[in-house]
Amino acid sequence: MRPGRQTICNETTDSTGKSGRKPLRTSARRSCCWNLRTRGNQAALGYDMFSEERRRHAMQAAMASGEPTASAPVELVQEITAIKQAGFLVYIPFSQGSSPGKVEGFVYAPFRAGDLHVAALDRTPQLPVTMETYDTTASATGDPVGLLFRSPGYEEDNAYEGLVAEKVVDMVGRQWTFKVHATPAFRTRTHHFYTIVIGGVSLLLAVALTMASRSQLKSVAAANELRRISEKTVKEKDLMLQEMKHRIKNSIARVLAIARQTAANSETIDEFSQSFTARLNSMANAQDMLTRSHWQRADLRELLNTELEQVFGSSTSEDKITGSAGAAWMSARPRRSA
């Protein structure tokens, strides 16, 4: 219940409000509620709170500590309907004038415990729990344990899957114990939570699996490309070896042919040696010319002049070579005999 406006009366109390007890030597004031907007407040008009034991104990504790103090569970005077709720009051002592330690009165607020709990629990989204609240300050004050609130459907042994929580809280100088039980609606919330968690984990696993698959495919493609390049390199190497083998055989055959021809036309060893050396130099120059052309093609006239100069000397002139006008080109790639 939202507390209304309160006013402290200026009537001085000179006793505890109970017969046969020693007068209380304080300047505590009797409190009364002057807000007449509701029937409940009209019923509380002129009520002497200090005359009731639990209220008086809370007021005395507030005066002793100088701090706000809550009362034990009481039935508020405003409870005039058939359905009644437990309530409690909070007292705040105040002082004025030159004596700050002297209590002049109280500011207080009454609360209906049921309305207070409903206002706290009835929010969107609603919590899937039921609860029970007790004032368990009995060991300290001698008051019996007081029930403040119990949710509809709350039972001591009907918690969903045994999900129970208990919490002890200091509530303005009083000790309150909250017992919370889960309801079957808790399963729906946790089910949705587990679904979200499982979905998120599955999504992460799917992404990781996709990335791993892509990495594996890239690795396979790289391995295939490396194998293809290796096979190509091996084939090119074999081809080069075969080409070198063929050219070496041709060169040896040419050297043997030159040797036979030179020996057949030479009368002395010196003549053979001189002619054979010139012909080998001519063959070497021809090879050098082909190398400079990157083994593509060479001018046939220039090649023949180089060859003939080694055999006939520098007196050889180009007019000894006859043929069609223009440059004649010869491919550097030899023909292989069948």
Protein backbone atom coordinates (compact mmCIF):
# COMPACT_ATOMS: atom_id res chain seq x y z
CA MET A 1 0.00 0.00 0.00
CA ARG A 2 1.35 3.41 -0.85
CA PRO A 3 1.54 5.39 2.42
CA GLY A 4 -0.52 8.55 2.54
CA ARG A 5 0.33 11.83 4.20
CA GLN A 6 1.09 11.48 7.90
CA THR A 7 0.98 14.11 10.66
CA ILE A 8 2.44 13.75 14.15
CA CYS A 9 0.13 14.92 16.96
CA ASN A 10 1.57 17.06 19.76
CA GLU A 11 0.08 15.06 22.61
CA THR A 12 2.81 14.03 25.08
CA THR A 13 2.90 10.41 26.24
CA ASP A 14 3.65 9.95 29.90
CA SER A 15 3.23 6.18 30.18
CA THR A 16 3.78 3.01 28.22
CA GLY A 17 0.10 2.68 27.48
CA LYS A 18 -0.23 -0.45 29.59
CA SER A 19 -1.48 -0.50 33.12
CA GLY A 20 0.84 -1.41 35.97
CA ARG A 21 4.06 -0.51 34.08
CA LYS A 22 6.59 2.14 34.97
CA PRO A 23 6.09 5.42 33.08
CA LEU A 24 8.43 5.87 30.10
CA ARG A 25 10.54 9.00 30.55
CA THR A 26 10.76 10.15 26.95
CA SER A 27 9.31 12.93 24.90
CA ALA A 28 7.83 10.52 22.35
CA ARG A 29 4.67 11.82 20.75
CA ARG A 30 1.53 9.92 20.01
CA SER A 31 1.07 9.49 16.30
CA CYS A 32 -2.15 9.74 14.40
CA CYS A 33 -3.02 9.80 10.70
CA TRP A 34 -4.93 12.80 9.37
CA ASN A 35 -5.29 11.75 5.71
CA LEU A 36 -9.05 11.28 5.38
CA ARG A 37 -9.16 10.39 1.67
CA THR A 38 -9.79 6.67 2.33
CA ARG A 39 -12.07 4.80 4.71
CA GLY A 40 -9.09 2.90 6.08
CA ASN A 41 -7.36 6.08 7.12
CA GLN A 42 -10.57 7.32 8.68
CA ALA A 43 -10.60 4.14 10.80
CA ALA A 44 -7.04 4.90 11.98
CA LEU A 45 -7.90 8.44 13.03
CA GLY A 46 -6.86 9.01 16.63
CA TYR A 47 -5.30 5.55 17.07
CA ASP A 48 -2.58 5.49 19.77
CA MET A 49 0.20 3.37 18.20
CA PHE A 50 2.30 3.47 21.37
CA SER A 51 -0.39 1.52 23.17
CA GLU A 52 0.19 -1.58 21.00
CA GLU A 53 3.14 -3.78 21.98
CA ARG A 54 4.74 -4.45 18.58
CA ARG A 55 4.43 -0.87 17.42
CA ARG A 56 5.75 0.40 20.77
CA HIS A 57 8.75 -1.98 20.58
CA ALA A 58 9.64 -0.65 17.10
CA MET A 59 9.30 2.97 18.27
CA GLN A 60 11.50 2.33 21.30
CA ALA A 61 14.12 0.62 19.11
CA ALA A 62 14.07 3.58 16.71
CA MET A 63 14.54 6.03 19.60
CA ALA A 64 17.43 3.96 20.99
CA SER A 65 19.26 3.61 17.66
CA GLY A 66 18.25 6.85 16.01
CA GLU A 67 17.78 4.84 12.79
CA PRO A 68 14.66 3.84 10.81
CA THR A 69 13.15 0.70 12.33
CA ALA A 70 10.47 -1.65 11.07
CA SER A 71 7.88 -3.26 13.32
CA ALA A 72 7.04 -6.93 13.60
CA PRO A 73 4.07 -8.07 11.46
CA VAL A 74 0.86 -6.43 12.62
CA GLU A 75 -2.67 -6.03 11.38
CA LEU A 76 -3.02 -2.42 10.32
CA VAL A 77 -5.93 -0.46 11.71
CA GLN A 78 -6.77 0.39 8.10
CA GLU A 79 -7.63 -3.30 7.45
CA ILE A 80 -11.42 -2.96 7.60
CA THR A 81 -12.28 -5.27 4.69
CA ALA A 82 -13.11 -8.97 4.86
CA ILE A 83 -9.82 -9.96 3.20
CA LYS A 84 -7.04 -8.80 5.48
CA GLN A 85 -3.30 -8.72 4.91
CA ALA A 86 -0.34 -8.71 7.22
CA GLY A 87 1.33 -5.35 7.49
CA PHE A 88 4.26 -3.58 9.10
CA LEU A 89 5.29 -0.02 9.89
CA VAL A 90 8.57 1.82 9.53
CA TYR A 91 9.36 4.50 12.13
CA ILE A 92 11.92 7.27 11.63
CA PRO A 93 12.62 9.36 14.77
CA PHE A 94 13.28 13.07 14.35
CA SER A 95 14.67 15.78 16.59
CA GLN A 96 14.62 19.54 16.43
CA GLY A 97 15.88 22.52 18.37
CA SER A 98 19.06 22.65 20.40
CA SER A 99 18.90 19.00 21.54
CA PRO A 100 19.59 16.79 18.51
CA GLY A 101 19.58 13.63 20.67
CA LYS A 102 16.12 14.35 22.06
CA VAL A 103 13.39 12.60 20.07
CA GLU A 104 10.46 14.92 19.37
CA GLY A 105 8.38 12.49 17.38
CA PHE A 106 8.27 10.03 14.50
CA VAL A 107 7.70 9.99 10.80
CA TYR A 108 6.16 6.63 9.96
CA ALA A 109 4.85 4.73 6.95
CA PRO A 110 2.46 1.76 7.07
CA PHE A 111 2.82 -1.01 4.46
CA ARG A 112 0.51 -3.83 3.44
CA ALA A 113 2.92 -6.74 2.94
CA GLY A 114 0.75 -8.48 0.36
CA ASP A 115 0.43 -5.41 -1.85
CA LEU A 116 4.17 -4.76 -1.50
CA HIS A 117 5.07 -8.29 -2.71
CA VAL A 118 2.53 -8.26 -5.53
CA ALA A 119 3.87 -4.91 -6.78
CA ALA A 120 7.38 -6.38 -6.79
CA LEU A 121 6.43 -9.67 -8.50
CA ASP A 122 3.73 -8.50 -10.90
CA ARG A 123 6.03 -7.20 -13.59
CA THR A 124 6.54 -8.02 -17.26
CA PRO A 125 7.88 -10.56 -17.87
CA GLN A 126 6.51 -12.30 -14.80
CA LEU A 127 8.90 -14.51 -12.91
CA PRO A 128 7.96 -18.23 -13.01
CA VAL A 129 8.17 -18.58 -9.21
CA THR A 130 6.03 -18.67 -6.09
CA MET A 131 7.32 -17.35 -2.78
CA GLU A 132 6.71 -17.14 0.91
CA THR A 133 8.03 -14.44 3.25
CA TYR A 134 8.38 -14.64 7.03
CA ASP A 135 9.57 -12.25 9.68
CA THR A 136 12.04 -14.48 11.53
CA THR A 137 13.32 -12.04 14.15
CA ALA A 138 11.66 -14.05 16.94
CA SER A 139 14.89 -15.23 18.55
CA ALA A 140 15.98 -11.63 19.13
CA THR A 141 12.72 -10.03 20.28
CA GLY A 142 10.62 -12.87 21.56
CA ASP A 143 7.95 -12.24 18.90
CA PRO A 144 6.55 -15.34 17.23
CA VAL A 145 7.49 -16.01 13.61
CA GLY A 146 5.12 -13.97 11.49
CA LEU A 147 3.93 -14.79 7.96
CA LEU A 148 4.06 -11.71 5.77
CA PHE A 149 3.17 -13.07 2.33
CA ARG A 150 2.46 -16.35 0.54
CA SER A 151 1.91 -16.65 -3.22
CA PRO A 152 -1.23 -18.46 -4.45
CA GLY A 153 -0.34 -22.10 -5.11
CA TYR A 154 2.72 -22.05 -2.87
CA GLU A 155 3.28 -25.31 -1.03
CA GLU A 156 6.31 -26.44 0.93
CA ASP A 157 6.91 -29.59 -1.19
CA ASN A 158 5.65 -28.67 -4.68
CA ALA A 159 8.71 -26.89 -6.10
CA TYR A 160 9.30 -27.74 -9.74
CA GLU A 161 12.06 -30.37 -9.96
CA GLY A 162 13.13 -29.45 -6.44
CA LEU A 163 14.30 -25.96 -7.46
CA VAL A 164 14.17 -24.01 -4.18
CA ALA A 165 15.99 -20.90 -2.99
CA GLU A 166 16.04 -19.35 0.49
CA LYS A 167 17.41 -15.91 1.37
CA VAL A 168 17.63 -14.07 4.69
CA VAL A 169 17.57 -10.26 4.36
CA ASP A 170 17.90 -7.47 6.93
CA MET A 171 14.81 -5.32 6.42
CA VAL A 172 15.11 -2.03 8.33
CA GLY A 173 16.22 -3.71 11.54
CA ARG A 174 14.12 -6.87 11.10
CA GLN A 175 15.13 -10.23 9.72
CA TRP A 176 12.99 -11.43 6.81
CA THR A 177 13.33 -14.88 5.23
CA PHE A 178 12.30 -15.35 1.60
CA LYS A 179 11.58 -18.85 0.26
CA VAL A 180 11.24 -19.11 -3.53
CA HIS A 181 9.95 -22.15 -5.47
CA ALA A 182 10.13 -22.63 -9.23
CA THR A 183 6.88 -23.33 -11.09
CA PRO A 184 6.34 -25.49 -14.23
CA ALA A 185 6.54 -22.28 -16.27
CA PHE A 186 10.23 -22.25 -15.34
CA ARG A 187 10.69 -25.22 -17.67
CA THR A 188 9.44 -23.20 -20.65
CA ARG A 189 11.91 -20.41 -19.98
CA THR A 190 14.82 -22.76 -19.39
CA HIS A 191 13.74 -24.78 -22.43
CA HIS A 192 13.90 -21.69 -24.59
CA PHE A 193 17.23 -20.80 -23.02
CA TYR A 194 18.63 -24.25 -23.72
CA THR A 195 17.27 -24.07 -27.27
CA ILE A 196 19.05 -20.77 -27.84
CA VAL A 197 22.26 -22.13 -26.33
CA ILE A 198 22.11 -25.33 -28.41
CA GLY A 199 21.31 -23.32 -31.53
CA GLY A 200 24.22 -20.97 -30.91
CA VAL A 201 26.63 -23.84 -30.27
CA SER A 202 25.37 -25.65 -33.38
CA LEU A 203 25.86 -22.51 -35.45
CA LEU A 204 29.41 -22.12 -34.17
CA LEU A 205 30.15 -25.78 -34.92
CA ALA A 206 28.69 -25.41 -38.42
CA VAL A 207 30.83 -22.34 -39.10
CA ALA A 208 33.92 -24.11 -37.77
CA LEU A 209 33.15 -27.20 -39.88
CA THR A 210 32.65 -25.04 -42.98
CA MET A 211 35.93 -23.24 -42.44
CA ALA A 212 37.71 -26.55 -41.84
CA SER A 213 36.18 -28.00 -45.04
CA ARG A 214 37.23 -24.96 -47.07
CA SER A 215 40.73 -25.18 -45.65
CA GLN A 216 40.85 -28.89 -46.48
CA LEU A 217 39.66 -28.24 -50.05
CA LYS A 218 42.31 -25.54 -50.48
CA SER A 219 44.95 -27.93 -49.17
CA VAL A 220 43.81 -30.65 -51.60
CA ALA A 221 43.81 -28.18 -54.51
CA ALA A 222 47.30 -26.98 -53.57
CA ALA A 223 48.54 -30.58 -53.36
CA ASN A 224 47.04 -31.39 -56.76
CA GLU A 225 48.66 -28.31 -58.31
CA LEU A 226 52.02 -29.22 -56.77
CA ARG A 227 51.73 -32.75 -58.13
CA ARG A 228 50.84 -31.42 -61.59
CA ILE A 229 53.83 -29.05 -61.57
CA SER A 230 56.09 -31.86 -60.37
CA GLU A 231 54.90 -34.19 -63.12
CA LYS A 232 55.35 -31.43 -65.70
CA THR A 233 58.87 -30.74 -64.42
CA VAL A 234 59.76 -34.43 -64.62
CA LYS A 235 58.45 -34.65 -68.18
CA GLU A 236 60.37 -31.55 -69.22
CA LYS A 237 63.50 -32.96 -67.59
CA ASP A 238 63.10 -36.26 -69.47
CA LEU A 239 62.52 -34.36 -72.72
CA MET A 240 65.65 -32.26 -72.12
CA LEU A 241 67.73 -35.34 -71.40
CA GLN A 242 66.48 -37.01 -74.56
CA GLU A 243 67.24 -33.84 -76.55
CA MET A 244 70.75 -33.61 -75.10
CA LYS A 245 71.32 -37.30 -75.80
CA HIS A 246 70.24 -36.84 -79.43
CA ARG A 247 72.40 -33.74 -79.94
CA ILE A 248 75.46 -35.35 -78.37
CA LYS A 249 75.04 -38.36 -80.65
CA ASN A 250 74.74 -36.03 -83.67
CA SER A 251 77.83 -34.08 -82.61
CA ILE A 252 79.86 -37.27 -82.18
CA ALA A 253 78.67 -38.54 -85.55
CA ARG A 254 79.71 -35.22 -87.18
CA VAL A 255 83.15 -35.38 -85.53
CA LEU A 256 83.64 -38.94 -86.78
CA ALA A 257 82.54 -37.95 -90.27
CA ILE A 258 84.92 -34.97 -90.32
CA ALA A 259 87.74 -37.20 -89.11
CA ARG A 260 87.13 -39.78 -91.85
CA GLN A 261 86.90 -37.16 -94.61
CA THR A 262 89.96 -35.29 -93.35
CA ALA A 263 91.99 -38.51 -93.15
CA ALA A 264 90.96 -39.52 -96.69
CA ASN A 265 92.16 -36.19 -98.17
CA SER A 266 95.33 -35.69 -96.06
CA GLU A 267 98.77 -37.04 -97.05
CA THR A 268 100.60 -36.28 -93.80
CA ILE A 269 99.82 -36.15 -90.13
CA ASP A 270 100.49 -32.40 -89.99
CA GLU A 271 98.12 -31.77 -92.87
CA PHE A 272 95.48 -33.94 -91.15
CA SER A 273 95.94 -32.17 -87.86
CA GLN A 274 95.70 -28.71 -89.39
CA SER A 275 92.64 -29.52 -91.51
CA PHE A 276 90.91 -31.44 -88.72
CA THR A 277 91.44 -28.62 -86.23
CA ALA A 278 90.05 -26.04 -88.68
CA ARG A 279 86.96 -28.10 -89.32
CA LEU A 280 86.32 -28.60 -85.58
CA ASN A 281 86.66 -24.84 -85.03
CA SER A 282 84.21 -24.28 -87.86
CA MET A 283 81.72 -26.64 -86.22
CA ALA A 284 82.22 -24.89 -82.89
CA ASN A 285 81.60 -21.47 -84.47
CA ALA A 286 78.43 -22.77 -86.06
CA GLN A 287 77.25 -24.02 -82.67
CA ASP A 288 78.10 -20.64 -81.15
CA MET A 289 76.04 -18.88 -83.85
CA LEU A 290 73.06 -21.08 -83.14
CA THR A 291 73.43 -20.47 -79.43
CA ARG A 292 73.37 -16.69 -79.96
CA SER A 293 70.13 -17.09 -81.91
CA HIS A 294 68.64 -18.97 -78.90
CA TRP A 295 68.38 -22.10 -81.01
CA GLN A 296 65.63 -20.61 -83.13
CA ARG A 297 67.07 -19.91 -86.61
CA ALA A 298 70.31 -18.63 -88.26
CA ASP A 299 71.26 -16.97 -91.52
CA LEU A 300 72.32 -19.80 -93.87
CA ARG A 301 74.75 -17.59 -95.89
CA GLU A 302 76.51 -16.38 -92.74
CA LEU A 303 76.69 -19.93 -91.43
CA LEU A 304 78.24 -21.24 -94.68
CA ASN A 305 80.77 -18.38 -94.81
CA THR A 306 81.86 -19.17 -91.25
CA GLU A 307 82.24 -22.83 -92.05
CA LEU A 308 84.17 -22.23 -95.30
CA GLU A 309 86.53 -19.68 -93.73
CA GLN A 310 87.81 -22.35 -91.38
CA VAL A 311 88.50 -24.68 -94.30
CA PHE A 312 89.63 -22.36 -97.13
CA GLY A 313 90.89 -19.42 -95.11
CA SER A 314 89.98 -15.73 -95.22
CA SER A 315 90.28 -15.64 -99.02
CA THR A 316 86.82 -17.09 -99.30
CA SER A 317 84.40 -14.46 -100.57
CA GLU A 318 80.66 -14.40 -100.60
CA ASP A 319 80.59 -14.53 -104.43
CA LYS A 320 81.60 -18.19 -104.22
CA ILE A 321 78.21 -18.92 -102.61
CA THR A 322 75.41 -18.72 -105.15
CA GLY A 323 71.71 -19.03 -104.59
CA SER A 324 68.43 -17.16 -104.67
CA ALA A 325 68.52 -13.51 -103.68
CA GLY A 326 67.70 -12.45 -100.14
CA ALA A 327 68.53 -14.02 -96.87
CA ALA A 328 68.14 -17.75 -96.41
CA TRP A 329 67.26 -18.87 -92.92
CA MET A 330 67.90 -22.27 -91.43
CA SER A 331 66.07 -23.69 -88.43
CA ALA A 332 68.28 -24.49 -85.50
CA ARG A 333 66.27 -27.55 -84.49
CA PRO A 334 67.87 -30.68 -86.02
CA ARG A 335 65.87 -33.41 -87.64
CA ARG A 336 65.89 -36.74 -86.03
CA SER A 337 66.47 -39.67 -88.39
CA ALA A 338 63.91 -42.38 -88.25
